[in-house]
Protein backbone atom coordinates (compact mmCIF):
# COMPACT_ATOMS: atom_id res chain seq x y z
CA MET A 1 17.64 7.81 10.42
CA GLY A 2 15.12 6.24 12.77
CA SER A 3 14.26 2.65 13.54
CA LEU A 4 11.64 1.71 10.95
CA THR A 5 12.33 -0.43 7.92
CA PRO A 6 11.20 0.76 4.47
CA ASN A 7 8.41 -1.83 4.60
CA GLN A 8 7.18 -0.48 7.94
CA ARG A 9 7.20 3.09 6.65
CA ASP A 10 5.28 1.97 3.57
CA GLN A 11 2.74 0.18 5.77
CA PHE A 12 2.20 3.32 7.85
CA GLU A 13 1.70 5.45 4.74
CA ARG A 14 -0.67 2.88 3.19
CA ASP A 15 -2.76 1.92 6.22
CA GLY A 16 -2.51 5.03 8.40
CA TYR A 17 -1.21 3.11 11.39
CA LEU A 18 1.57 0.80 12.50
CA LEU A 19 1.58 -1.49 15.54
CA ILE A 20 5.04 -2.40 16.83
CA GLU A 21 5.77 -4.94 19.54
CA ASP A 22 8.32 -4.40 22.32
CA VAL A 23 8.88 -0.68 21.86
CA LEU A 24 8.82 -0.32 25.64
CA ASP A 25 10.26 -2.54 28.33
CA PRO A 26 7.42 -3.37 30.74
CA GLU A 27 9.60 -3.54 33.83
CA ARG A 28 12.01 -0.72 33.07
CA ASP A 29 9.63 1.74 31.38
CA LEU A 30 6.09 0.93 32.54
CA ASP A 31 6.45 -0.32 36.11
CA PRO A 32 7.85 3.06 37.33
CA ILE A 33 4.80 4.78 35.83
CA ILE A 34 2.49 2.32 37.59
CA ALA A 35 4.30 2.92 40.90
CA GLU A 36 3.96 6.67 40.40
CA TYR A 37 0.22 6.39 39.81
CA GLU A 38 -0.23 4.15 42.83
CA GLY A 39 0.93 7.16 44.86
CA VAL A 40 -1.44 9.47 42.99
CA LEU A 41 -4.37 7.13 43.66
CA ASP A 42 -3.42 6.88 47.32
CA ARG A 43 -3.50 10.67 47.70
CA LEU A 44 -6.87 10.88 45.94
CA ALA A 45 -8.29 8.10 48.13
CA ARG A 46 -7.17 9.80 51.32
CA GLU A 47 -8.56 13.17 50.21
CA LEU A 48 -11.94 11.64 49.35
CA HIS A 49 -12.00 9.72 52.63
CA ALA A 50 -11.09 12.82 54.65
CA SER A 51 -13.91 14.77 52.98
CA GLY A 52 -16.43 11.99 53.69
CA GLN A 53 -17.00 11.05 50.05
CA ILE A 54 -15.90 7.44 50.57
CA ALA A 55 -16.10 5.22 53.65
CA SER A 56 -12.47 4.07 53.49
CA PRO A 57 -9.29 4.79 51.50
CA TYR A 58 -9.29 1.06 50.58
CA ALA A 59 -5.50 0.89 50.91
CA ASP A 60 -5.59 -2.93 51.00
CA LEU A 61 -6.99 -3.23 47.46
CA PRO A 62 -4.83 -3.64 44.33
CA PHE A 63 -4.74 -0.63 42.00
CA SER A 64 -7.48 -1.66 39.56
CA ASP A 65 -9.95 -2.72 42.24
CA ARG A 66 -9.14 0.32 44.36
CA LEU A 67 -9.70 2.79 41.53
CA THR A 68 -12.96 1.11 40.53
CA LYS A 69 -14.22 1.03 44.12
CA ILE A 70 -13.37 4.68 44.75
CA TYR A 71 -15.01 5.86 41.54
CA ALA A 72 -18.15 3.82 42.18
CA GLU A 73 -18.55 4.89 45.81
CA SER A 74 -17.79 8.57 45.22
CA GLY A 75 -20.10 8.62 42.19
CA LYS A 76 -17.46 10.49 40.22
CA VAL A 77 -14.71 9.60 37.78
CA ASN A 78 -11.73 11.68 38.88
CA ALA A 79 -9.89 11.34 35.58
CA GLN A 80 -8.37 14.83 35.73
CA TYR A 81 -6.51 13.91 38.92
CA PHE A 82 -4.33 11.51 36.91
CA ASP A 83 -3.99 13.29 33.58
CA PHE A 84 -0.82 15.01 32.39
CA SER A 85 -2.79 17.68 30.61
CA LEU A 86 -5.45 20.24 31.55
CA PRO A 87 -9.16 20.23 30.70
CA GLN A 88 -10.47 22.36 27.85
CA SER A 89 -12.72 24.41 30.13
CA GLY A 90 -13.09 25.54 33.71
CA VAL A 91 -9.40 25.55 34.62
CA THR A 92 -8.73 27.01 38.08
CA ARG A 93 -5.58 27.42 40.13
CA GLU A 94 -6.52 24.17 41.91
CA THR A 95 -7.25 22.03 38.83
CA PRO A 96 -5.31 18.80 39.45
CA PHE A 97 -2.93 17.15 37.01
CA TRP A 98 0.02 14.77 37.27
CA THR A 99 3.43 15.37 35.68
CA GLY A 100 5.71 12.90 37.44
CA PRO A 101 9.25 12.00 36.34
CA ALA A 102 8.29 8.52 35.12
CA VAL A 103 5.62 10.02 32.85
CA PHE A 104 8.12 12.59 31.56
CA ALA A 105 10.68 9.86 30.90
CA VAL A 106 8.32 7.95 28.60
CA LEU A 107 7.58 11.14 26.63
CA ARG A 108 11.29 11.20 25.80
CA HIS A 109 11.66 7.44 25.38
CA PRO A 110 14.34 6.71 22.77
CA GLY A 111 12.42 3.80 21.27
CA ILE A 112 9.34 5.95 20.69
CA LEU A 113 11.37 8.86 19.34
CA ASP A 114 13.30 6.57 16.99
CA VAL A 115 10.04 5.52 15.34
CA ILE A 116 8.80 9.11 15.22
CA GLU A 117 12.09 10.15 13.61
CA SER A 118 11.50 7.59 10.86
CA LEU A 119 8.13 9.21 10.13
CA ILE A 120 8.67 12.97 10.50
CA GLY A 121 12.41 13.52 10.80
CA PRO A 122 14.83 14.22 13.67
CA GLU A 123 13.48 17.59 14.87
CA ILE A 124 10.72 16.35 17.18
CA TYR A 125 8.32 18.32 19.36
CA SER A 126 6.26 16.72 22.13
CA ASN A 127 2.75 17.92 21.30
CA PRO A 128 0.72 18.81 24.44
CA VAL A 129 -2.43 16.95 23.31
CA GLN A 130 -1.68 13.96 25.56
CA HIS A 131 -3.60 11.88 28.07
CA VAL A 132 -3.68 8.93 30.40
CA ARG A 133 -6.82 6.80 30.14
CA LEU A 134 -7.84 4.79 33.20
CA LYS A 135 -11.10 3.18 32.13
CA PRO A 136 -12.84 1.07 34.79
CA PRO A 137 -15.24 -1.73 33.85
CA GLU A 138 -18.30 0.01 32.43
CA HIS A 139 -20.73 -2.00 34.56
CA LEU A 140 -18.97 -0.64 37.66
CA THR A 141 -18.48 2.95 36.49
CA PRO A 142 -20.77 5.71 37.80
CA LYS A 143 -23.21 7.18 35.29
CA ASP A 144 -23.84 10.79 34.41
CA PRO A 145 -27.20 11.62 36.04
CA ASN A 146 -28.07 13.96 33.16
CA THR A 147 -27.49 11.49 30.32
CA GLY A 148 -27.57 8.05 31.93
CA LEU A 149 -24.27 7.24 30.20
CA VAL A 150 -21.18 6.00 32.01
CA GLN A 151 -18.86 8.85 32.90
CA LEU A 152 -15.85 7.22 31.25
CA GLY A 153 -16.83 4.67 28.63
CA ALA A 154 -15.92 3.72 25.09
CA THR A 155 -14.38 6.51 23.02
CA PRO A 156 -16.43 7.24 19.89
CA TRP A 157 -15.03 7.26 16.36
CA HIS A 158 -12.88 10.31 15.68
CA GLN A 159 -9.72 11.51 14.00
CA ASP A 160 -7.09 13.21 16.13
CA ASN A 161 -6.98 15.96 13.52
CA GLY A 162 -10.59 16.62 14.49
CA VAL A 163 -9.83 17.51 18.11
CA ILE A 164 -7.30 20.27 17.40
CA THR A 165 -7.65 23.79 16.01
CA GLU A 166 -7.60 24.53 12.30
CA ASP A 167 -4.15 26.12 12.36
CA ALA A 168 -2.65 22.64 12.83
CA ASP A 169 -4.55 20.89 10.03
CA GLU A 170 -1.36 20.49 8.01
CA THR A 171 0.90 19.78 10.98
CA ASP A 172 2.46 16.35 10.64
CA ILE A 173 1.18 14.99 13.94
CA ILE A 174 1.80 11.36 14.87
CA THR A 175 -0.24 9.78 17.66
CA VAL A 176 1.42 7.17 19.87
CA TRP A 177 -0.95 4.95 21.88
CA PHE A 178 0.30 2.27 24.24
CA PRO A 179 -1.22 0.21 27.05
CA LEU A 180 0.13 -0.03 30.60
CA THR A 181 -1.64 -3.39 30.86
CA ASP A 182 -2.56 -5.88 28.14
CA THR A 183 -5.56 -4.73 26.12
CA MET A 184 -8.01 -6.95 24.26
CA GLU A 185 -11.48 -6.55 22.84
CA GLU A 186 -13.02 -7.51 26.19
CA ASN A 187 -11.42 -4.65 28.10
CA GLY A 188 -11.68 -1.97 25.44
CA CYS A 189 -8.78 -2.08 22.99
CA LEU A 190 -8.57 0.42 20.16
CA ALA A 191 -10.06 -0.16 16.73
CA VAL A 192 -9.08 1.62 13.52
CA GLN A 193 -10.45 2.09 10.03
CA PRO A 194 -7.44 1.35 7.79
CA ARG A 195 -6.58 3.52 4.80
CA ALA A 196 -9.33 6.05 5.53
CA HIS A 197 -6.74 8.70 6.42
CA VAL A 198 -6.32 9.45 2.72
CA ASP A 199 -9.93 10.68 2.57
CA GLY A 200 -9.04 13.81 4.55
CA LEU A 201 -10.66 15.32 7.62
CA MET A 202 -14.20 14.08 8.23
CA PRO A 203 -16.92 16.13 9.95
CA HIS A 204 -17.08 15.78 13.72
CA CYS A 205 -20.11 16.52 15.87
CA PRO A 206 -20.27 17.72 19.46
CA PRO A 207 -21.69 15.35 22.10
CA ASP A 208 -25.37 14.49 21.73
CA ALA A 209 -26.56 11.76 24.07
CA GLY A 210 -29.70 11.33 21.99
CA LYS A 211 -27.87 10.00 18.96
CA PRO A 212 -25.94 6.75 18.37
CA GLY A 213 -22.26 7.26 19.12
CA GLY A 214 -23.00 10.78 20.26
CA PHE A 215 -21.50 10.76 23.75
CA GLY A 216 -18.30 12.60 22.78
CA LEU A 217 -16.90 14.59 19.87
CA HIS A 218 -17.46 12.05 17.11
CA ILE A 219 -17.65 11.32 13.40
CA PRO A 220 -21.29 10.81 12.33
CA ASP A 221 -22.11 7.26 11.31
CA ALA A 222 -22.85 8.30 7.73
CA PHE A 223 -19.17 9.10 7.15
CA LEU A 224 -17.82 5.81 8.52
CA ASN A 225 -17.41 2.35 7.12
CA THR A 226 -17.35 0.37 10.34
CA GLU A 227 -17.42 -2.91 8.41
CA GLN A 228 -13.73 -2.22 7.82
CA MET A 229 -13.08 -1.78 11.55
CA VAL A 230 -9.94 -3.55 12.75
CA PRO A 231 -9.68 -4.16 16.53
CA LEU A 232 -6.10 -3.98 17.79
CA PRO A 233 -5.44 -6.07 20.91
CA MET A 234 -2.00 -5.17 22.30
CA ARG A 235 0.41 -6.54 24.86
CA ARG A 236 1.98 -4.09 27.27
CA GLY A 237 5.26 -2.96 25.79
CA SER A 238 3.67 -2.57 22.34
CA ALA A 239 2.93 0.80 20.79
CA LEU A 240 0.53 1.93 18.08
CA PHE A 241 1.55 4.80 15.78
CA MET A 242 -1.27 6.55 13.91
CA HIS A 243 -1.65 9.20 11.23
CA ARG A 244 -3.56 12.26 12.47
CA ARG A 245 -6.48 11.47 10.13
CA THR A 246 -6.85 7.76 10.86
CA PRO A 247 -10.38 7.17 12.23
CA HIS A 248 -10.27 5.21 15.45
CA CYS A 249 -12.30 4.44 18.55
CA SER A 250 -12.06 2.34 21.67
CA LEU A 251 -14.33 -0.57 22.46
CA SER A 252 -16.30 -0.86 25.69
CA ASN A 253 -14.57 -2.30 28.73
CA VAL A 254 -16.81 -5.24 29.59
CA SER A 255 -14.15 -6.93 31.72
CA ASP A 256 -13.71 -6.71 35.49
CA HIS A 257 -10.46 -4.73 35.36
CA VAL A 258 -9.28 -1.22 34.51
CA ARG A 259 -8.01 -0.64 30.98
CA TRP A 260 -5.01 1.66 31.28
CA SER A 261 -3.32 3.46 28.40
CA PHE A 262 -1.35 6.54 27.36
CA ASP A 263 -1.83 8.51 24.18
CA LEU A 264 0.92 10.91 23.16
CA ARG A 265 1.48 13.06 20.10
CA TYR A 266 4.54 14.41 18.30
CA ASN A 267 5.11 16.81 15.42
CA PRO A 268 8.02 18.54 13.71
CA ILE A 269 9.49 21.44 15.67
CA GLY A 270 8.01 24.76 14.60
CA GLN A 271 4.66 23.49 13.35
CA PRO A 272 1.45 24.49 15.21
CA THR A 273 0.33 22.00 17.85
CA GLY A 274 -3.41 22.61 17.55
CA ARG A 275 -3.65 23.53 21.22
CA GLY A 276 -1.57 26.65 21.62
CA ALA A 277 -2.64 27.34 25.20
CA PHE A 278 -0.91 24.15 26.40
CA PRO A 279 2.86 23.70 26.68
CA GLY A 280 4.82 21.27 24.54
CA PHE A 281 8.58 20.89 24.42
CA ILE A 282 11.46 19.82 22.20
CA ALA A 283 11.85 16.08 22.73
CA ARG A 284 14.66 15.50 20.22
CA SER A 285 16.77 17.74 18.05
CA ARG A 286 19.71 16.36 16.10
CA ARG A 287 20.46 19.90 14.93
CA HIS A 288 20.33 21.60 18.33
CA PRO A 289 20.41 18.96 21.09
CA GLU A 290 20.99 21.66 23.70
CA THR A 291 17.37 22.80 23.16
CA GLU A 292 15.88 19.48 24.27
CA LEU A 293 13.94 19.56 27.52
CA ARG A 294 15.50 17.03 29.89
CA ASP A 295 14.28 18.26 33.28
CA PRO A 296 10.94 16.83 34.54
CA ASP A 297 10.65 19.65 37.08
CA ARG A 298 10.82 22.20 34.27
CA TRP A 299 8.09 20.30 32.44
CA THR A 300 5.90 20.48 35.53
CA ALA A 301 6.64 24.20 35.80
CA LEU A 302 5.42 24.73 32.22
CA TRP A 303 2.07 23.15 33.09
CA LEU A 304 1.80 25.14 36.31
CA GLU A 305 2.40 28.33 34.32
CA ALA A 306 -0.24 27.32 31.78
CA ARG A 307 -2.74 26.55 34.55
CA GLU A 308 -2.14 29.95 36.15
CA THR A 309 -2.64 31.71 32.81
CA LEU A 310 -5.79 29.77 31.92
CA ALA A 311 -7.28 30.34 35.38
CA ARG A 312 -7.14 34.10 34.78
CA GLN A 313 -8.90 34.16 31.42
CA SER A 314 -11.96 32.94 29.57
CA ASP A 315 -11.83 29.44 28.14
CA PRO A 316 -9.98 29.37 24.80
CA LYS A 317 -11.78 27.92 21.79
CA TYR A 318 -10.36 24.47 21.09
CA ASN A 319 -12.94 22.92 18.77
CA ARG A 320 -14.25 24.10 15.41
CA TRP A 321 -17.35 21.92 15.22
CA ASP A 322 -20.89 23.21 15.48
CA ALA A 323 -23.93 21.13 16.43
CA ASP A 324 -25.90 23.05 13.78
CA SER A 325 -23.72 21.69 10.98
CA PRO A 326 -25.74 19.75 8.37
CA ALA A 327 -23.58 16.69 9.09
CA CYS A 328 -24.78 16.75 12.70
CA ALA A 329 -28.46 17.30 12.06
């Protein structure tokens, strides 16, 4: 079952990725998410204004301009305020996150799950390694005073297998990346290295601002063939499906508008997620449909429970990579 043709499945297996148009309906599926986040941004703006961090809540500005203005004036990218996950360190009982019903609905979107079913079968778990990316224009984004780099810029080359724990190395994780607004090279679309997923897991190095591409967990240049890089401009409504070992990055946003995207992950029920401290849920089960999570309030409760647990303990170890590795020297 599932929605992919044999040719599409073959393309995914061969290239390590598959871009499909019109998986999502922009008005029905994406506009409710945008409306939800307009409320989130409004609350953030009013909090920052009340605390004196910005001169105005800038309620008259459209979303992209308002976000960019607030980030620039406050000197801080408040990405965690919008994310539907928790950070890997420093979680407190007040750490913000957003788990609204429109976000939950897209996690269970039938069109997405139909494609996932074609790739891994009908028993589908929503993996908790998931994020929203609201990337302002880099020339308007505040810089980290310690590194001089923009606080939220281009994402370096990596494999999604590289950002999870070793217990999930053989988990059949599929990444789903889709834009809320059209993405092109100018505003920071994704780029992939086709067919490199068959080479296995590459070394990843922790952030090192002193090295090229070293501003996030990244694959060292020596292990990449960037001449084979394929940029993937996408219209909103499209979705990109990637193998867990497909090397990919995002380009810099050199436009004047926010680049807005979601990245989600799914794996077969029962396999390790690679981030055991975070809560996933059963998104589809043909065998036991009664086990599917259908209540967005329950999803929020799972994240609240995880936040409470993490706030009471030392930070779990999420990454295996060591800066002393020979590959990182």
